[in-house]
Amino acid sequence: MRIVISSAGRRVYLVQWFQEALYEAGLVGEVIVIEHDPNAATAAAADSYRAIPAFTSPEYAPAMLDIIDELQPELFLSLNDHELTALSEGLADELRARGVVTPVLDEQSHRAVADKLAMSQVLQQAGICTPRTVLLSDVAAVQDLLYNTNNIVVKDRWGSGSSGLRRFTSAQACRWVEQRYHHATGTEAHRLDDIIVQPDVGGIEYGLDVITAVRGGPVAGVLARRKLAMRHGETSSAKTVKNTPFIGLAAALNAALGIRGSVDVDVLVGDDDVPYVIDVNPRFGGGYPFMHVAGADVPHFYLASTLGFAPRPDWDQYRIGYIGSKHEGIIGFDTADNPAAQPANRRQPLTSLIQKRVGI
């Protein structure tokens, strides 16, 4: 079985967990990373690597199809929000037409989560609680929000990884907004459409993984954690919690979006115990590792879902109250253009490391 992970970046752990899932399921296979950056850590950790132009390049889609035609993988994943946008606009369908399972939302659903204004509208229509969201360019709506809310959140409309996130009191927000309006002349005025303003609903922040079969279907698992610390827009420490308060929310999100595979969901829960969805990322998110180290195994479920065999019944079970903290790591490898480098020096498949560990 061949698994292709695109735009994996620094997520070496996910490459390794898919390698382990193959080995533990008794499957002969490999995990291949496609990356624009040949020096990405996952390019070294994978069983093999293919270079590709940036997904903003007109050469990206043809190069992707050439790579897929060469490799003929069973499963394709992307870990980048902006690449997922490009995939949702027809390229994912071309991969599926080649027989590759590609857990990407359809174009309409992807737009609904990539655009935070559209997301709030879609969620409200589905009866899912989410903060009121207005564009900075909507002067009347912004003024109404400022005068009726004590605390304000501002962030990028099309952002990823908490880009552009700012928190203000209403008084601070009034001054910040006035400055933006004052300087919004000419081309700057158009940029007001790229910023959203919301009330800060407060509460405790949780992260969820809502999981369906890779081709879609009912919710198969919900993994939940309380966020303890953030770093560079990603959860750096978290504590696992029971998923029962979020089961209904997960089903409603799936009904609204038609989830394929896994989506990462951020929610805020206040004193009224109502979860407010503040973000949806249609991919493996930065919070999944906390669930994996606590016992869950979504890579195993992906293999089973792709190939059609029954997953282990405990794949979505995890220890409650288990704390995880991310830490720094490093992987060393020779550059591809180093004439002294041996192929084995660049990357060593995890399956061989497992074999050494267990004495095979």
Protein backbone atom coordinates (compact mmCIF):
# COMPACT_ATOMS: atom_id res chain seq x y z
CA MET A 1 0.00 0.00 0.00
CA ARG A 2 1.26 3.45 -0.90
CA ILE A 3 0.30 6.49 1.13
CA VAL A 4 1.18 9.96 -0.13
CA ILE A 5 1.29 12.87 2.34
CA SER A 6 1.60 16.31 0.75
CA SER A 7 2.85 19.47 2.47
CA ALA A 8 3.78 17.51 5.57
CA GLY A 9 6.41 20.05 6.62
CA ARG A 10 7.67 19.33 10.14
CA ARG A 11 5.03 16.72 11.05
CA VAL A 12 7.47 13.82 11.25
CA TYR A 13 5.28 12.14 13.87
CA LEU A 14 2.43 11.69 11.38
CA VAL A 15 4.70 10.10 8.77
CA GLN A 16 6.01 7.73 11.43
CA TRP A 17 2.54 6.85 12.72
CA PHE A 18 1.37 5.90 9.24
CA GLN A 19 4.53 3.80 8.83
CA GLU A 20 3.79 2.10 12.13
CA ALA A 21 0.16 1.54 11.13
CA LEU A 22 1.29 -0.24 7.96
CA TYR A 23 3.74 -2.41 9.87
CA GLU A 24 1.34 -3.29 12.68
CA ALA A 25 -1.42 -4.18 10.19
CA GLY A 26 0.97 -6.54 8.42
CA LEU A 27 0.80 -4.51 5.21
CA VAL A 28 3.66 -4.12 2.78
CA GLY A 29 3.77 -0.45 1.89
CA GLU A 30 5.45 2.90 2.09
CA VAL A 31 4.73 6.46 3.09
CA ILE A 32 5.83 8.98 0.48
CA VAL A 33 6.08 12.71 1.13
CA ILE A 34 5.46 15.32 -1.56
CA GLU A 35 7.02 18.64 -0.62
CA HIS A 36 8.00 21.93 -2.24
CA ASP A 37 10.83 22.21 0.31
CA PRO A 38 13.40 19.41 -0.17
CA ASN A 39 14.83 20.16 3.26
CA ALA A 40 11.57 19.58 5.12
CA ALA A 41 12.00 17.18 8.03
CA THR A 42 9.27 14.88 6.72
CA ALA A 43 11.12 14.51 3.41
CA ALA A 44 13.85 12.79 5.41
CA ALA A 45 11.52 10.73 7.59
CA ALA A 46 9.44 9.33 4.72
CA ASP A 47 10.20 6.14 2.83
CA SER A 48 10.68 8.31 -0.25
CA TYR A 49 10.19 11.90 -1.37
CA ARG A 50 9.03 13.74 -4.47
CA ALA A 51 9.59 17.43 -5.17
CA ILE A 52 6.69 19.52 -6.43
CA PRO A 53 6.23 23.18 -7.36
CA ALA A 54 4.48 25.43 -4.86
CA PHE A 55 0.69 25.02 -4.95
CA THR A 56 0.46 28.67 -6.01
CA SER A 57 2.35 27.85 -9.23
CA PRO A 58 0.55 27.04 -12.51
CA GLU A 59 2.87 24.04 -12.72
CA TYR A 60 1.55 22.56 -9.48
CA ALA A 61 -1.52 20.66 -10.75
CA PRO A 62 0.20 19.03 -13.77
CA ALA A 63 3.16 18.05 -11.60
CA MET A 64 0.83 16.57 -8.97
CA LEU A 65 -0.98 14.45 -11.56
CA ASP A 66 2.36 13.25 -13.00
CA ILE A 67 3.52 12.19 -9.53
CA ILE A 68 0.25 10.42 -8.79
CA ASP A 69 0.38 8.63 -12.16
CA GLU A 70 3.92 7.50 -11.33
CA LEU A 71 3.25 6.35 -7.76
CA GLN A 72 -0.37 5.12 -8.08
CA PRO A 73 -1.03 5.41 -4.33
CA GLU A 74 -4.11 4.10 -2.61
CA LEU A 75 -4.39 7.10 -0.25
CA PHE A 76 -3.50 10.78 -0.62
CA LEU A 77 -3.49 13.35 2.22
CA SER A 78 -2.63 17.04 2.39
CA LEU A 79 -1.77 18.84 5.63
CA ASN A 80 -1.86 22.41 4.29
CA ASP A 81 -5.01 24.56 4.38
CA HIS A 82 -4.19 26.52 1.23
CA GLU A 83 -3.23 23.42 -0.75
CA LEU A 84 -6.53 21.88 0.32
CA THR A 85 -8.26 24.86 -1.31
CA ALA A 86 -6.50 24.09 -4.60
CA LEU A 87 -7.37 20.40 -4.28
CA SER A 88 -11.04 21.09 -3.54
CA GLU A 89 -11.42 23.07 -6.78
CA GLY A 90 -11.31 19.99 -8.99
CA LEU A 91 -7.88 18.45 -8.51
CA ALA A 92 -9.08 16.11 -5.75
CA ASP A 93 -11.74 14.78 -8.14
CA GLU A 94 -9.02 14.09 -10.72
CA LEU A 95 -7.10 12.09 -8.12
CA ARG A 96 -10.25 10.14 -7.24
CA ALA A 97 -10.85 9.44 -10.93
CA ARG A 98 -7.43 7.76 -10.91
CA GLY A 99 -8.56 5.49 -8.08
CA VAL A 100 -6.83 7.39 -5.26
CA VAL A 101 -8.77 7.84 -2.04
CA THR A 102 -8.57 11.57 -1.33
CA PRO A 103 -10.28 12.76 1.88
CA VAL A 104 -10.89 16.38 0.85
CA LEU A 105 -14.16 18.27 1.31
CA ASP A 106 -16.12 19.16 -1.81
CA GLU A 107 -15.57 22.69 -3.13
CA GLN A 108 -18.63 24.25 -1.52
CA SER A 109 -17.94 22.78 1.91
CA HIS A 110 -14.26 23.64 1.75
CA ARG A 111 -15.05 27.27 0.91
CA ALA A 112 -17.40 27.28 3.88
CA VAL A 113 -14.54 26.52 6.27
CA ALA A 114 -11.69 28.34 4.49
CA ASP A 115 -13.64 31.62 4.52
CA LYS A 116 -14.41 32.44 8.16
CA LEU A 117 -17.30 34.71 7.22
CA ALA A 118 -18.90 31.95 5.14
CA MET A 119 -18.21 29.46 7.93
CA SER A 120 -20.18 31.48 10.45
CA GLN A 121 -23.12 31.72 8.04
CA VAL A 122 -23.12 28.00 7.21
CA LEU A 123 -22.85 26.99 10.87
CA GLN A 124 -25.64 29.33 11.93
CA GLN A 125 -27.90 27.94 9.20
CA ALA A 126 -27.13 24.44 10.52
CA GLY A 127 -28.09 25.46 14.06
CA ILE A 128 -24.50 25.26 15.30
CA CYS A 129 -23.41 27.93 17.79
CA THR A 130 -20.62 30.18 16.53
CA PRO A 131 -19.67 33.79 17.30
CA ARG A 132 -21.30 36.53 15.23
CA THR A 133 -18.89 37.39 12.43
CA VAL A 134 -18.70 40.62 10.40
CA LEU A 135 -16.22 42.05 7.94
CA LEU A 136 -14.11 45.00 9.00
CA SER A 137 -15.37 46.72 5.85
CA ASP A 138 -18.97 46.57 7.14
CA VAL A 139 -18.77 49.78 9.16
CA ALA A 140 -22.31 49.69 10.58
CA ALA A 141 -22.03 46.05 11.69
CA VAL A 142 -18.62 46.66 13.26
CA GLN A 143 -19.90 49.69 15.18
CA ASP A 144 -22.89 47.71 16.44
CA LEU A 145 -20.58 44.93 17.59
CA LEU A 146 -18.23 47.34 19.36
CA TYR A 147 -21.00 49.07 21.26
CA ASN A 148 -22.69 45.85 22.39
CA THR A 149 -19.70 43.67 23.26
CA ASN A 150 -17.12 44.01 26.03
CA ASN A 151 -14.33 42.08 24.34
CA ILE A 152 -13.50 41.74 20.66
CA VAL A 153 -11.56 39.28 18.50
CA VAL A 154 -10.04 40.31 15.16
CA LYS A 155 -8.43 37.84 12.75
CA ASP A 156 -7.73 37.11 9.10
CA ARG A 157 -10.75 36.05 7.10
CA TRP A 158 -8.76 33.48 5.10
CA GLY A 159 -6.19 32.81 7.81
CA SER A 160 -4.51 29.64 8.97
CA GLY A 161 -2.80 28.94 12.28
CA SER A 162 -4.44 31.88 14.09
CA SER A 163 -2.98 34.35 11.59
CA GLY A 164 -3.85 37.96 12.33
CA LEU A 165 -5.44 37.07 15.67
CA ARG A 166 -5.83 39.99 18.07
CA ARG A 167 -7.90 40.39 21.24
CA PHE A 168 -9.12 43.77 22.44
CA THR A 169 -11.42 45.33 24.94
CA SER A 170 -14.17 47.24 23.13
CA ALA A 171 -12.41 50.55 23.92
CA GLN A 172 -9.12 49.27 22.51
CA ALA A 173 -10.92 47.85 19.49
CA CYS A 174 -12.59 51.22 18.81
CA ARG A 175 -9.20 52.92 18.60
CA TRP A 176 -7.71 50.13 16.46
CA VAL A 177 -10.68 50.15 14.07
CA GLU A 178 -10.62 53.94 13.72
CA GLN A 179 -6.94 53.80 12.76
CA ARG A 180 -7.63 51.11 10.14
CA TYR A 181 -10.48 53.13 8.66
CA HIS A 182 -8.37 56.28 8.66
CA HIS A 183 -5.57 54.61 6.67
CA ALA A 184 -7.89 52.59 4.39
CA THR A 185 -7.50 54.60 1.19
CA GLY A 186 -7.17 53.28 -2.35
CA THR A 187 -6.00 49.66 -2.46
CA GLU A 188 -5.87 49.54 1.35
CA ALA A 189 -9.68 49.79 1.44
CA HIS A 190 -10.01 46.40 -0.24
CA ARG A 191 -8.00 44.79 2.54
CA LEU A 192 -10.78 45.54 5.00
CA ASP A 193 -12.71 42.69 3.36
CA ASP A 194 -9.95 40.28 4.44
CA ILE A 195 -10.37 40.91 8.19
CA ILE A 196 -13.22 39.68 10.38
CA VAL A 197 -14.45 41.01 13.71
CA GLN A 198 -16.18 38.86 16.33
CA PRO A 199 -17.27 39.07 19.96
CA ASP A 200 -14.92 37.24 22.28
CA VAL A 201 -17.32 34.65 23.74
CA GLY A 202 -14.74 33.58 26.33
CA GLY A 203 -14.74 30.23 28.06
CA ILE A 204 -12.43 27.22 27.94
CA GLU A 205 -10.95 26.27 24.56
CA TYR A 206 -11.13 22.67 23.37
CA GLY A 207 -9.89 20.91 20.27
CA LEU A 208 -11.78 18.09 18.56
CA ASP A 209 -11.01 15.56 15.87
CA VAL A 210 -14.22 14.57 14.12
CA ILE A 211 -13.59 11.43 12.07
CA THR A 212 -15.55 9.67 9.36
CA ALA A 213 -14.58 7.05 6.81
CA VAL A 214 -12.11 8.45 4.28
CA ARG A 215 -14.80 8.41 1.56
CA GLY A 216 -17.34 10.02 3.89
CA GLY A 217 -20.23 8.67 5.95
CA PRO A 218 -21.49 8.90 9.53
CA VAL A 219 -19.22 10.04 12.34
CA ALA A 220 -17.01 7.12 13.35
CA GLY A 221 -15.10 8.76 16.19
CA VAL A 222 -14.72 11.98 18.18
CA LEU A 223 -11.50 12.80 20.04
CA ALA A 224 -11.47 15.69 22.51
CA ARG A 225 -8.85 17.64 24.44
CA ARG A 226 -8.67 20.79 26.51
CA LYS A 227 -6.03 23.23 25.29
CA LEU A 228 -3.52 24.19 27.96
CA ALA A 229 -1.00 26.23 25.94
CA MET A 230 -0.49 27.56 22.42
CA ARG A 231 2.63 28.33 20.43
CA HIS A 232 2.75 29.94 16.97
CA GLY A 233 -0.96 29.35 16.47
CA GLU A 234 -0.81 25.64 17.31
CA THR A 235 -1.62 23.74 20.50
CA SER A 236 1.60 23.02 22.38
CA SER A 237 0.08 21.38 25.47
CA ALA A 238 -3.29 19.73 26.03
CA LYS A 239 -5.22 17.43 28.34
CA THR A 240 -7.54 14.76 26.99
CA VAL A 241 -11.20 14.92 28.06
CA LYS A 242 -14.37 12.90 27.53
CA ASN A 243 -15.96 13.33 24.11
CA THR A 244 -19.58 12.98 25.26
CA PRO A 245 -20.32 16.76 25.39
CA PHE A 246 -19.30 17.03 21.72
CA ILE A 247 -21.01 14.02 20.11
CA GLY A 248 -24.06 16.01 18.97
CA LEU A 249 -21.89 18.83 17.65
CA ALA A 250 -19.80 16.38 15.63
CA ALA A 251 -22.91 14.89 13.99
CA ALA A 252 -24.23 18.37 13.16
CA LEU A 253 -20.90 19.41 11.62
CA ASN A 254 -20.81 16.26 9.51
CA ALA A 255 -24.37 16.86 8.30
CA ALA A 256 -23.47 20.44 7.34
CA LEU A 257 -20.11 19.77 5.69
CA GLY A 258 -20.01 16.16 4.50
CA ILE A 259 -16.74 15.31 6.23
CA ARG A 260 -14.29 12.93 4.57
CA GLY A 261 -11.67 11.54 6.93
CA SER A 262 -10.79 13.90 9.75
CA VAL A 263 -11.46 17.56 10.55
CA ASP A 264 -9.88 19.54 13.35
CA VAL A 265 -12.38 21.73 15.21
CA ASP A 266 -11.74 24.48 17.76
CA VAL A 267 -14.53 25.26 20.23
CA LEU A 268 -15.04 27.55 23.21
CA VAL A 269 -17.24 26.39 26.08
CA GLY A 270 -18.46 28.97 28.58
CA ASP A 271 -20.36 28.77 31.85
CA ASP A 272 -23.53 27.77 29.98
CA ASP A 273 -21.74 24.60 28.70
CA VAL A 274 -22.64 25.49 25.10
CA PRO A 275 -19.80 24.79 22.62
CA TYR A 276 -19.16 27.65 20.18
CA VAL A 277 -17.26 26.61 17.05
CA ILE A 278 -14.54 29.15 16.28
CA ASP A 279 -12.56 27.30 13.60
CA VAL A 280 -12.72 24.20 11.37
CA ASN A 281 -9.63 22.79 9.62
CA PRO A 282 -10.44 19.94 7.20
CA ARG A 283 -7.30 17.90 7.84
CA PHE A 284 -5.17 16.34 10.54
CA GLY A 285 -4.68 19.25 12.91
CA GLY A 286 -1.93 20.17 15.32
CA GLY A 287 -4.00 18.78 18.20
CA TYR A 288 -4.22 15.18 16.98
CA PRO A 289 -0.81 14.13 18.45
CA PHE A 290 -2.19 14.59 21.98
CA MET A 291 -4.86 12.01 21.22
CA HIS A 292 -2.45 9.57 19.59
CA VAL A 293 -0.06 9.49 22.54
CA ALA A 294 -3.11 8.90 24.76
CA GLY A 295 -4.05 5.78 22.79
CA ALA A 296 -6.12 6.77 19.72
CA ASP A 297 -4.93 5.57 16.30
CA VAL A 298 -6.50 7.43 13.38
CA PRO A 299 -3.78 6.36 10.90
CA HIS A 300 -4.83 2.74 11.55
CA PHE A 301 -8.47 3.70 10.96
CA TYR A 302 -7.49 5.44 7.69
CA LEU A 303 -5.80 2.26 6.43
CA ALA A 304 -8.82 0.13 7.35
CA SER A 305 -11.22 2.63 5.81
CA THR A 306 -9.18 2.86 2.61
CA LEU A 307 -8.71 -0.87 2.09
CA GLY A 308 -12.08 -1.98 3.48
CA PHE A 309 -11.06 -4.13 6.44
CA ALA A 310 -12.49 -3.82 9.98
CA PRO A 311 -10.42 -1.50 12.18
CA ARG A 312 -9.45 -2.43 15.71
CA PRO A 313 -12.45 -1.71 17.95
CA ASP A 314 -10.32 0.45 20.24
CA TRP A 315 -8.84 2.74 17.55
CA ASP A 316 -10.78 5.75 18.89
CA GLN A 317 -10.26 5.00 22.61
CA TYR A 318 -7.86 7.11 24.64
CA ARG A 319 -6.87 7.77 28.25
CA ILE A 320 -8.87 10.56 29.87
CA GLY A 321 -6.99 13.25 31.77
CA TYR A 322 -3.73 12.46 29.93
CA ILE A 323 -1.50 15.49 29.36
CA GLY A 324 0.71 15.86 26.32
CA SER A 325 3.37 18.51 25.64
CA LYS A 326 5.17 19.07 22.37
CA HIS A 327 8.94 19.44 22.37
CA GLU A 328 11.72 20.17 19.93
CA GLY A 329 13.25 17.42 17.80
CA ILE A 330 15.73 17.16 14.95
CA ILE A 331 16.39 14.77 12.07
CA GLY A 332 19.64 14.66 10.11
CA PHE A 333 20.12 13.72 6.45
CA ASP A 334 22.40 14.28 3.48
CA THR A 335 21.29 16.60 0.71
CA ALA A 336 20.20 14.94 -2.52
CA ASP A 337 23.00 16.65 -4.49
CA ASN A 338 25.79 15.46 -2.19
CA PRO A 339 27.87 13.02 -4.28
CA ALA A 340 29.22 11.38 -1.12
CA ALA A 341 25.77 10.63 0.23
CA GLN A 342 24.44 7.11 0.10
CA PRO A 343 20.67 6.72 -0.42
CA ALA A 344 20.34 5.04 2.96
CA ASN A 345 21.95 8.04 4.64
CA ARG A 346 19.20 10.36 3.55
CA ARG A 347 16.25 8.53 5.03
CA GLN A 348 15.66 5.25 6.81
CA PRO A 349 12.11 3.84 6.72
CA LEU A 350 10.59 3.48 10.15
CA THR A 351 9.71 -0.14 9.39
CA SER A 352 13.42 -0.98 9.49
CA LEU A 353 13.78 0.88 12.78
CA ILE A 354 10.86 -1.10 14.23
CA GLN A 355 12.47 -4.32 13.07
CA LYS A 356 15.71 -3.40 14.82
CA ARG A 357 13.84 -2.48 17.98
CA VAL A 358 11.98 -5.78 18.21
CA GLY A 359 14.95 -7.86 17.05
CA ILE A 360 13.60 -9.02 13.67
